[in-house]
Amino acid sequence: MWYKILRNAINKMDRKEEVLLGFTCTSVYPHTSIAARDTIQHVLEGDDMVIYRILGRLATDIRVGIIELSRTSYSCRDR
């Protein structure tokens, strides 16, 4: 199920530009320290790991980052 959904989403993207594709994690992870941000992809669990692995197969470049949301914008702290 996840593979088909993500493959279709990626196929619809414009590959000429960098694209930010985000999803809400189903588990809670430490994310406030720099060390935690640098290793978060190694502690993913359950559906979060499944999605990460699928994206790793479908995308040419995959990076895990923390996205902080506010009412007016977002900022991405890339690893």
PDB file of N, CA and C in Angstrom:
ATOM      1  N   MET A   1       0.810  -1.182   0.000  1.00  0.00           N
ATOM      2  CA  MET A   1       0.000   0.000   0.000  1.00  0.00           C
ATOM      3  C   MET A   1       0.866   1.264   0.000  1.00  0.00           C
ATOM      4  N   TRP A   2       1.788   1.409   0.958  1.00  0.00           N
ATOM      5  CA  TRP A   2       2.645   2.595   1.045  1.00  0.00           C
ATOM      6  C   TRP A   2       3.478   2.769  -0.216  1.00  0.00           C
ATOM      7  N   TYR A   3       4.008   1.668  -0.734  1.00  0.00           N
ATOM      8  CA  TYR A   3       4.875   1.743  -1.914  1.00  0.00           C
ATOM      9  C   TYR A   3       4.125   2.377  -3.079  1.00  0.00           C
ATOM     10  N   LYS A   4       2.924   1.911  -3.339  1.00  0.00           N
ATOM     11  CA  LYS A   4       2.143   2.420  -4.464  1.00  0.00           C
ATOM     12  C   LYS A   4       1.794   3.890  -4.279  1.00  0.00           C
ATOM     13  N   ILE A   5       1.397   4.266  -3.081  1.00  0.00           N
ATOM     14  CA  ILE A   5       1.045   5.661  -2.793  1.00  0.00           C
ATOM     15  C   ILE A   5       2.257   6.574  -3.005  1.00  0.00           C
ATOM     16  N   LEU A   6       3.401   6.197  -2.448  1.00  0.00           N
ATOM     17  CA  LEU A   6       4.604   7.028  -2.566  1.00  0.00           C
ATOM     18  C   LEU A   6       5.135   7.057  -3.992  1.00  0.00           C
ATOM     19  N   ARG A   7       5.097   5.919  -4.668  1.00  0.00           N
ATOM     20  CA  ARG A   7       5.564   5.878  -6.064  1.00  0.00           C
ATOM     21  C   ARG A   7       4.729   6.817  -6.917  1.00  0.00           C
ATOM     22  N   ASN A   8       3.415   6.794  -6.763  1.00  0.00           N
ATOM     23  CA  ASN A   8       2.550   7.683  -7.537  1.00  0.00           C
ATOM     24  C   ASN A   8       2.818   9.143  -7.213  1.00  0.00           C
ATOM     25  N   ALA A   9       3.032   9.469  -5.930  1.00  0.00           N
ATOM     26  CA  ALA A   9       3.324  10.856  -5.547  1.00  0.00           C
ATOM     27  C   ALA A   9       4.641  11.323  -6.153  1.00  0.00           C
ATOM     28  N   ILE A  10       5.656  10.491  -6.108  1.00  0.00           N
ATOM     29  CA  ILE A  10       6.970  10.861  -6.662  1.00  0.00           C
ATOM     30  C   ILE A  10       6.902  10.994  -8.171  1.00  0.00           C
ATOM     31  N   ASN A  11       6.168  10.125  -8.836  1.00  0.00           N
ATOM     32  CA  ASN A  11       6.051  10.189 -10.297  1.00  0.00           C
ATOM     33  C   ASN A  11       5.368  11.470 -10.767  1.00  0.00           C
ATOM     34  N   LYS A  12       4.534  12.062  -9.931  1.00  0.00           N
ATOM     35  CA  LYS A  12       3.835  13.297 -10.291  1.00  0.00           C
ATOM     36  C   LYS A  12       4.671  14.544 -10.054  1.00  0.00           C
ATOM     37  N   MET A  13       5.795  14.405  -9.368  1.00  0.00           N
ATOM     38  CA  MET A  13       6.628  15.567  -9.036  1.00  0.00           C
ATOM     39  C   MET A  13       7.484  15.990 -10.228  1.00  0.00           C
ATOM     40  N   ASP A  14       7.808  17.276 -10.238  1.00  0.00           N
ATOM     41  CA  ASP A  14       8.720  17.820 -11.238  1.00  0.00           C
ATOM     42  C   ASP A  14      10.138  17.483 -10.806  1.00  0.00           C
ATOM     43  N   ARG A  15      10.799  16.637 -11.535  1.00  0.00           N
ATOM     44  CA  ARG A  15      12.134  16.166 -11.155  1.00  0.00           C
ATOM     45  C   ARG A  15      13.234  17.196 -11.427  1.00  0.00           C
ATOM     46  N   LYS A  16      12.893  18.322 -12.030  1.00  0.00           N
ATOM     47  CA  LYS A  16      13.906  19.336 -12.324  1.00  0.00           C
ATOM     48  C   LYS A  16      14.243  20.168 -11.099  1.00  0.00           C
ATOM     49  N   GLU A  17      13.368  20.171 -10.125  1.00  0.00           N
ATOM     50  CA  GLU A  17      13.584  20.968  -8.923  1.00  0.00           C
ATOM     51  C   GLU A  17      13.644  20.068  -7.705  1.00  0.00           C
ATOM     52  N   GLU A  18      14.305  20.540  -6.668  1.00  0.00           N
ATOM     53  CA  GLU A  18      14.319  19.815  -5.408  1.00  0.00           C
ATOM     54  C   GLU A  18      12.925  19.874  -4.803  1.00  0.00           C
ATOM     55  N   VAL A  19      12.469  18.760  -4.290  1.00  0.00           N
ATOM     56  CA  VAL A  19      11.125  18.670  -3.737  1.00  0.00           C
ATOM     57  C   VAL A  19      11.207  18.253  -2.278  1.00  0.00           C
ATOM     58  N   LEU A  20      10.408  18.894  -1.467  1.00  0.00           N
ATOM     59  CA  LEU A  20      10.306  18.532  -0.056  1.00  0.00           C
ATOM     60  C   LEU A  20       9.035  17.711   0.111  1.00  0.00           C
ATOM     61  N   LEU A  21       9.205  16.476   0.507  1.00  0.00           N
ATOM     62  CA  LEU A  21       8.080  15.585   0.752  1.00  0.00           C
ATOM     63  C   LEU A  21       8.106  15.215   2.223  1.00  0.00           C
ATOM     64  N   GLY A  22       7.083  15.577   2.943  1.00  0.00           N
ATOM     65  CA  GLY A  22       7.078  15.327   4.374  1.00  0.00           C
ATOM     66  C   GLY A  22       5.935  14.434   4.790  1.00  0.00           C
ATOM     67  N   PHE A  23       6.112  13.799   5.927  1.00  0.00           N
ATOM     68  CA  PHE A  23       5.029  13.015   6.502  1.00  0.00           C
ATOM     69  C   PHE A  23       5.126  13.087   8.015  1.00  0.00           C
ATOM     70  N   THR A  24       4.005  12.925   8.652  1.00  0.00           N
ATOM     71  CA  THR A  24       3.956  12.948  10.108  1.00  0.00           C
ATOM     72  C   THR A  24       4.325  11.574  10.627  1.00  0.00           C
ATOM     73  N   CYS A  25       5.252  11.523  11.528  1.00  0.00           N
ATOM     74  CA  CYS A  25       5.696  10.241  12.087  1.00  0.00           C
ATOM     75  C   CYS A  25       4.632   9.667  13.022  1.00  0.00           C
ATOM     76  N   THR A  26       4.594   8.346  13.073  1.00  0.00           N
ATOM     77  CA  THR A  26       3.641   7.673  13.952  1.00  0.00           C
ATOM     78  C   THR A  26       4.230   7.442  15.341  1.00  0.00           C
ATOM     79  N   SER A  27       5.534   7.544  15.465  1.00  0.00           N
ATOM     80  CA  SER A  27       6.204   7.388  16.759  1.00  0.00           C
ATOM     81  C   SER A  27       6.848   8.705  17.158  1.00  0.00           C
ATOM     82  N   VAL A  28       7.209   8.820  18.411  1.00  0.00           N
ATOM     83  CA  VAL A  28       7.859  10.025  18.922  1.00  0.00           C
ATOM     84  C   VAL A  28       9.364   9.779  18.955  1.00  0.00           C
ATOM     85  N   TYR A  29      10.130  10.766  18.480  1.00  0.00           N
ATOM     86  CA  TYR A  29      11.594  10.650  18.435  1.00  0.00           C
ATOM     87  C   TYR A  29      12.223  11.897  19.038  1.00  0.00           C
ATOM     88  N   PRO A  30      13.409  11.746  19.624  1.00  0.00           N
ATOM     89  CA  PRO A  30      14.123  12.939  20.098  1.00  0.00           C
ATOM     90  C   PRO A  30      14.519  13.779  18.889  1.00  0.00           C
ATOM     91  N   HIS A  31      14.338  15.076  18.968  1.00  0.00           N
ATOM     92  CA  HIS A  31      14.632  15.904  17.803  1.00  0.00           C
ATOM     93  C   HIS A  31      15.171  17.294  18.148  1.00  0.00           C
ATOM     94  N   THR A  32      15.377  17.584  19.409  1.00  0.00           N
ATOM     95  CA  THR A  32      15.802  18.939  19.756  1.00  0.00           C
ATOM     96  C   THR A  32      17.312  19.113  19.759  1.00  0.00           C
ATOM     97  N   SER A  33      18.069  18.044  19.933  1.00  0.00           N
ATOM     98  CA  SER A  33      19.525  18.186  19.943  1.00  0.00           C
ATOM     99  C   SER A  33      20.092  17.926  18.555  1.00  0.00           C
ATOM    100  N   ILE A  34      21.243  18.493  18.277  1.00  0.00           N
ATOM    101  CA  ILE A  34      21.904  18.276  16.983  1.00  0.00           C
ATOM    102  C   ILE A  34      22.244  16.805  16.801  1.00  0.00           C
ATOM    103  N   ALA A  35      22.703  16.146  17.862  1.00  0.00           N
ATOM    104  CA  ALA A  35      23.045  14.730  17.772  1.00  0.00           C
ATOM    105  C   ALA A  35      21.821  13.897  17.397  1.00  0.00           C
ATOM    106  N   ALA A  36      20.678  14.202  17.956  1.00  0.00           N
ATOM    107  CA  ALA A  36      19.449  13.465  17.634  1.00  0.00           C
ATOM    108  C   ALA A  36      19.042  13.687  16.192  1.00  0.00           C
ATOM    109  N   ARG A  37      19.164  14.916  15.706  1.00  0.00           N
ATOM    110  CA  ARG A  37      18.799  15.204  14.315  1.00  0.00           C
ATOM    111  C   ARG A  37      19.705  14.466  13.347  1.00  0.00           C
ATOM    112  N   ASP A  38      20.959  14.304  13.701  1.00  0.00           N
ATOM    113  CA  ASP A  38      21.905  13.640  12.802  1.00  0.00           C
ATOM    114  C   ASP A  38      21.715  12.133  12.734  1.00  0.00           C
ATOM    115  N   THR A  39      21.048  11.546  13.717  1.00  0.00           N
ATOM    116  CA  THR A  39      20.910  10.092  13.756  1.00  0.00           C
ATOM    117  C   THR A  39      19.464   9.616  13.702  1.00  0.00           C
ATOM    118  N   ILE A  40      18.528  10.504  13.472  1.00  0.00           N
ATOM    119  CA  ILE A  40      17.117  10.137  13.554  1.00  0.00           C
ATOM    120  C   ILE A  40      16.741   9.015  12.586  1.00  0.00           C
ATOM    121  N   GLN A  41      17.352   8.971  11.406  1.00  0.00           N
ATOM    122  CA  GLN A  41      16.998   7.929  10.444  1.00  0.00           C
ATOM    123  C   GLN A  41      17.383   6.537  10.941  1.00  0.00           C
ATOM    124  N   HIS A  42      18.260   6.445  11.918  1.00  0.00           N
ATOM    125  CA  HIS A  42      18.687   5.152  12.448  1.00  0.00           C
ATOM    126  C   HIS A  42      17.783   4.625  13.558  1.00  0.00           C
ATOM    127  N   VAL A  43      16.876   5.448  14.052  1.00  0.00           N
ATOM    128  CA  VAL A  43      16.001   5.019  15.151  1.00  0.00           C
ATOM    129  C   VAL A  43      14.528   4.957  14.745  1.00  0.00           C
ATOM    130  N   LEU A  44      14.245   5.121  13.471  1.00  0.00           N
ATOM    131  CA  LEU A  44      12.861   5.060  13.014  1.00  0.00           C
ATOM    132  C   LEU A  44      12.264   3.690  13.295  1.00  0.00           C
ATOM    133  N   GLU A  45      10.964   3.678  13.581  1.00  0.00           N
ATOM    134  CA  GLU A  45      10.266   2.441  13.936  1.00  0.00           C
ATOM    135  C   GLU A  45       9.003   2.282  13.083  1.00  0.00           C
ATOM    136  N   GLY A  46       8.532   1.062  12.961  1.00  0.00           N
ATOM    137  CA  GLY A  46       7.231   0.763  12.363  1.00  0.00           C
ATOM    138  C   GLY A  46       7.019   1.378  10.993  1.00  0.00           C
ATOM    139  N   ASP A  47       5.837   2.019  10.824  1.00  0.00           N
ATOM    140  CA  ASP A  47       5.488   2.630   9.537  1.00  0.00           C
ATOM    141  C   ASP A  47       6.481   3.709   9.131  1.00  0.00           C
ATOM    142  N   ASP A  48       7.057   4.409  10.097  1.00  0.00           N
ATOM    143  CA  ASP A  48       8.045   5.443   9.786  1.00  0.00           C
ATOM    144  C   ASP A  48       9.243   4.833   9.056  1.00  0.00           C
ATOM    145  N   MET A  49       9.719   3.688   9.525  1.00  0.00           N
ATOM    146  CA  MET A  49      10.842   3.011   8.870  1.00  0.00           C
ATOM    147  C   MET A  49      10.427   2.483   7.500  1.00  0.00           C
ATOM    148  N   VAL A  50       9.218   1.961   7.400  1.00  0.00           N
ATOM    149  CA  VAL A  50       8.733   1.447   6.110  1.00  0.00           C
ATOM    150  C   VAL A  50       8.734   2.559   5.072  1.00  0.00           C
ATOM    151  N   ILE A  51       8.192   3.717   5.435  1.00  0.00           N
ATOM    152  CA  ILE A  51       8.140   4.847   4.507  1.00  0.00           C
ATOM    153  C   ILE A  51       9.554   5.309   4.148  1.00  0.00           C
ATOM    154  N   TYR A  52      10.432   5.396   5.120  1.00  0.00           N
ATOM    155  CA  TYR A  52      11.817   5.804   4.868  1.00  0.00           C
ATOM    156  C   TYR A  52      12.493   4.833   3.885  1.00  0.00           C
ATOM    157  N   ARG A  53      12.321   3.546   4.088  1.00  0.00           N
ATOM    158  CA  ARG A  53      12.935   2.544   3.201  1.00  0.00           C
ATOM    159  C   ARG A  53      12.364   2.616   1.785  1.00  0.00           C
ATOM    160  N   ILE A  54      11.056   2.798   1.684  1.00  0.00           N
ATOM    161  CA  ILE A  54      10.440   2.914   0.357  1.00  0.00           C
ATOM    162  C   ILE A  54      10.968   4.151  -0.352  1.00  0.00           C
ATOM    163  N   LEU A  55      11.022   5.271   0.348  1.00  0.00           N
ATOM    164  CA  LEU A  55      11.555   6.497  -0.267  1.00  0.00           C
ATOM    165  C   LEU A  55      13.003   6.306  -0.686  1.00  0.00           C
ATOM    166  N   GLY A  56      13.758   5.556   0.105  1.00  0.00           N
ATOM    167  CA  GLY A  56      15.144   5.267  -0.251  1.00  0.00           C
ATOM    168  C   GLY A  56      15.265   4.501  -1.555  1.00  0.00           C
ATOM    169  N   ARG A  57      14.290   3.667  -1.855  1.00  0.00           N
ATOM    170  CA  ARG A  57      14.303   2.915  -3.111  1.00  0.00           C
ATOM    171  C   ARG A  57      13.800   3.744  -4.283  1.00  0.00           C
ATOM    172  N   LEU A  58      12.875   4.653  -4.026  1.00  0.00           N
ATOM    173  CA  LEU A  58      12.243   5.403  -5.107  1.00  0.00           C
ATOM    174  C   LEU A  58      12.955   6.706  -5.451  1.00  0.00           C
ATOM    175  N   ALA A  59      13.581   7.325  -4.495  1.00  0.00           N
ATOM    176  CA  ALA A  59      14.173   8.647  -4.704  1.00  0.00           C
ATOM    177  C   ALA A  59      15.676   8.534  -4.928  1.00  0.00           C
ATOM    178  N   THR A  60      16.227   9.492  -5.641  1.00  0.00           N
ATOM    179  CA  THR A  60      17.666   9.494  -5.878  1.00  0.00           C
ATOM    180  C   THR A  60      18.434  10.038  -4.685  1.00  0.00           C
ATOM    181  N   ASP A  61      17.820  10.929  -3.933  1.00  0.00           N
ATOM    182  CA  ASP A  61      18.471  11.524  -2.764  1.00  0.00           C
ATOM    183  C   ASP A  61      17.430  11.653  -1.664  1.00  0.00           C
ATOM    184  N   ILE A  62      17.682  11.034  -0.547  1.00  0.00           N
ATOM    185  CA  ILE A  62      16.739  11.103   0.563  1.00  0.00           C
ATOM    186  C   ILE A  62      17.471  11.582   1.798  1.00  0.00           C
ATOM    187  N   ARG A  63      16.894  12.569   2.455  1.00  0.00           N
ATOM    188  CA  ARG A  63      17.453  13.101   3.693  1.00  0.00           C
ATOM    189  C   ARG A  63      16.344  13.220   4.715  1.00  0.00           C
ATOM    190  N   VAL A  64      16.671  12.945   5.925  1.00  0.00           N
ATOM    191  CA  VAL A  64      15.703  13.071   7.012  1.00  0.00           C
ATOM    192  C   VAL A  64      15.959  14.390   7.715  1.00  0.00           C
ATOM    193  N   GLY A  65      14.924  15.142   7.901  1.00  0.00           N
ATOM    194  CA  GLY A  65      15.046  16.414   8.590  1.00  0.00           C
ATOM    195  C   GLY A  65      13.871  16.613   9.522  1.00  0.00           C
ATOM    196  N   ILE A  66      13.969  17.615  10.333  1.00  0.00           N
ATOM    197  CA  ILE A  66      12.908  17.972  11.265  1.00  0.00           C
ATOM    198  C   ILE A  66      12.211  19.201  10.694  1.00  0.00           C
ATOM    199  N   ILE A  67      10.919  19.144  10.575  1.00  0.00           N
ATOM    200  CA  ILE A  67      10.159  20.289  10.078  1.00  0.00           C
ATOM    201  C   ILE A  67       9.386  20.878  11.238  1.00  0.00           C
ATOM    202  N   GLU A  68       9.642  22.127  11.499  1.00  0.00           N
ATOM    203  CA  GLU A  68       8.954  22.828  12.577  1.00  0.00           C
ATOM    204  C   GLU A  68       7.839  23.671  11.973  1.00  0.00           C
ATOM    205  N   LEU A  69       6.637  23.435  12.434  1.00  0.00           N
ATOM    206  CA  LEU A  69       5.480  24.137  11.895  1.00  0.00           C
ATOM    207  C   LEU A  69       5.076  25.287  12.785  1.00  0.00           C
ATOM    208  N   SER A  70       4.634  26.349  12.149  1.00  0.00           N
ATOM    209  CA  SER A  70       4.001  27.453  12.876  1.00  0.00           C
ATOM    210  C   SER A  70       2.703  27.760  12.133  1.00  0.00           C
ATOM    211  N   ARG A  71       1.977  28.720  12.615  1.00  0.00           N
ATOM    212  CA  ARG A  71       0.702  29.042  11.960  1.00  0.00           C
ATOM    213  C   ARG A  71       0.897  29.659  10.578  1.00  0.00           C
ATOM    214  N   THR A  72       2.037  30.263  10.323  1.00  0.00           N
ATOM    215  CA  THR A  72       2.225  30.990   9.069  1.00  0.00           C
ATOM    216  C   THR A  72       3.273  30.383   8.133  1.00  0.00           C
ATOM    217  N   SER A  73       4.142  29.516   8.643  1.00  0.00           N
ATOM    218  CA  SER A  73       5.203  28.992   7.783  1.00  0.00           C
ATOM    219  C   SER A  73       5.794  27.729   8.390  1.00  0.00           C
ATOM    220  N   TYR A  74       6.808  27.200   7.724  1.00  0.00           N
ATOM    221  CA  TYR A  74       7.537  26.076   8.276  1.00  0.00           C
ATOM    222  C   TYR A  74       9.020  26.299   8.039  1.00  0.00           C
ATOM    223  N   SER A  75       9.829  25.643   8.831  1.00  0.00           N
ATOM    224  CA  SER A  75      11.267  25.672   8.604  1.00  0.00           C
ATOM    225  C   SER A  75      11.770  24.246   8.683  1.00  0.00           C
ATOM    226  N   CYS A  76      12.748  23.934   7.874  1.00  0.00           N
ATOM    227  CA  CYS A  76      13.275  22.583   7.813  1.00  0.00           C
ATOM    228  C   CYS A  76      14.712  22.601   8.304  1.00  0.00           C
ATOM    229  N   ARG A  77      14.968  21.795   9.323  1.00  0.00           N
ATOM    230  CA  ARG A  77      16.332  21.644   9.822  1.00  0.00           C
ATOM    231  C   ARG A  77      16.857  20.349   9.256  1.00  0.00           C
ATOM    232  N   ASP A  78      17.519  20.456   8.118  1.00  0.00           N
ATOM    233  CA  ASP A  78      18.033  19.285   7.408  1.00  0.00           C
ATOM    234  C   ASP A  78      19.229  18.721   8.145  1.00  0.00           C
ATOM    235  N   ARG A  79      19.441  17.426   8.020  1.00  0.00           N
ATOM    236  CA  ARG A  79      20.595  16.821   8.700  1.00  0.00           C
ATOM    237  C   ARG A  79      21.855  17.031   7.958  1.00  0.00           C
TER     238      ARG A  79
END
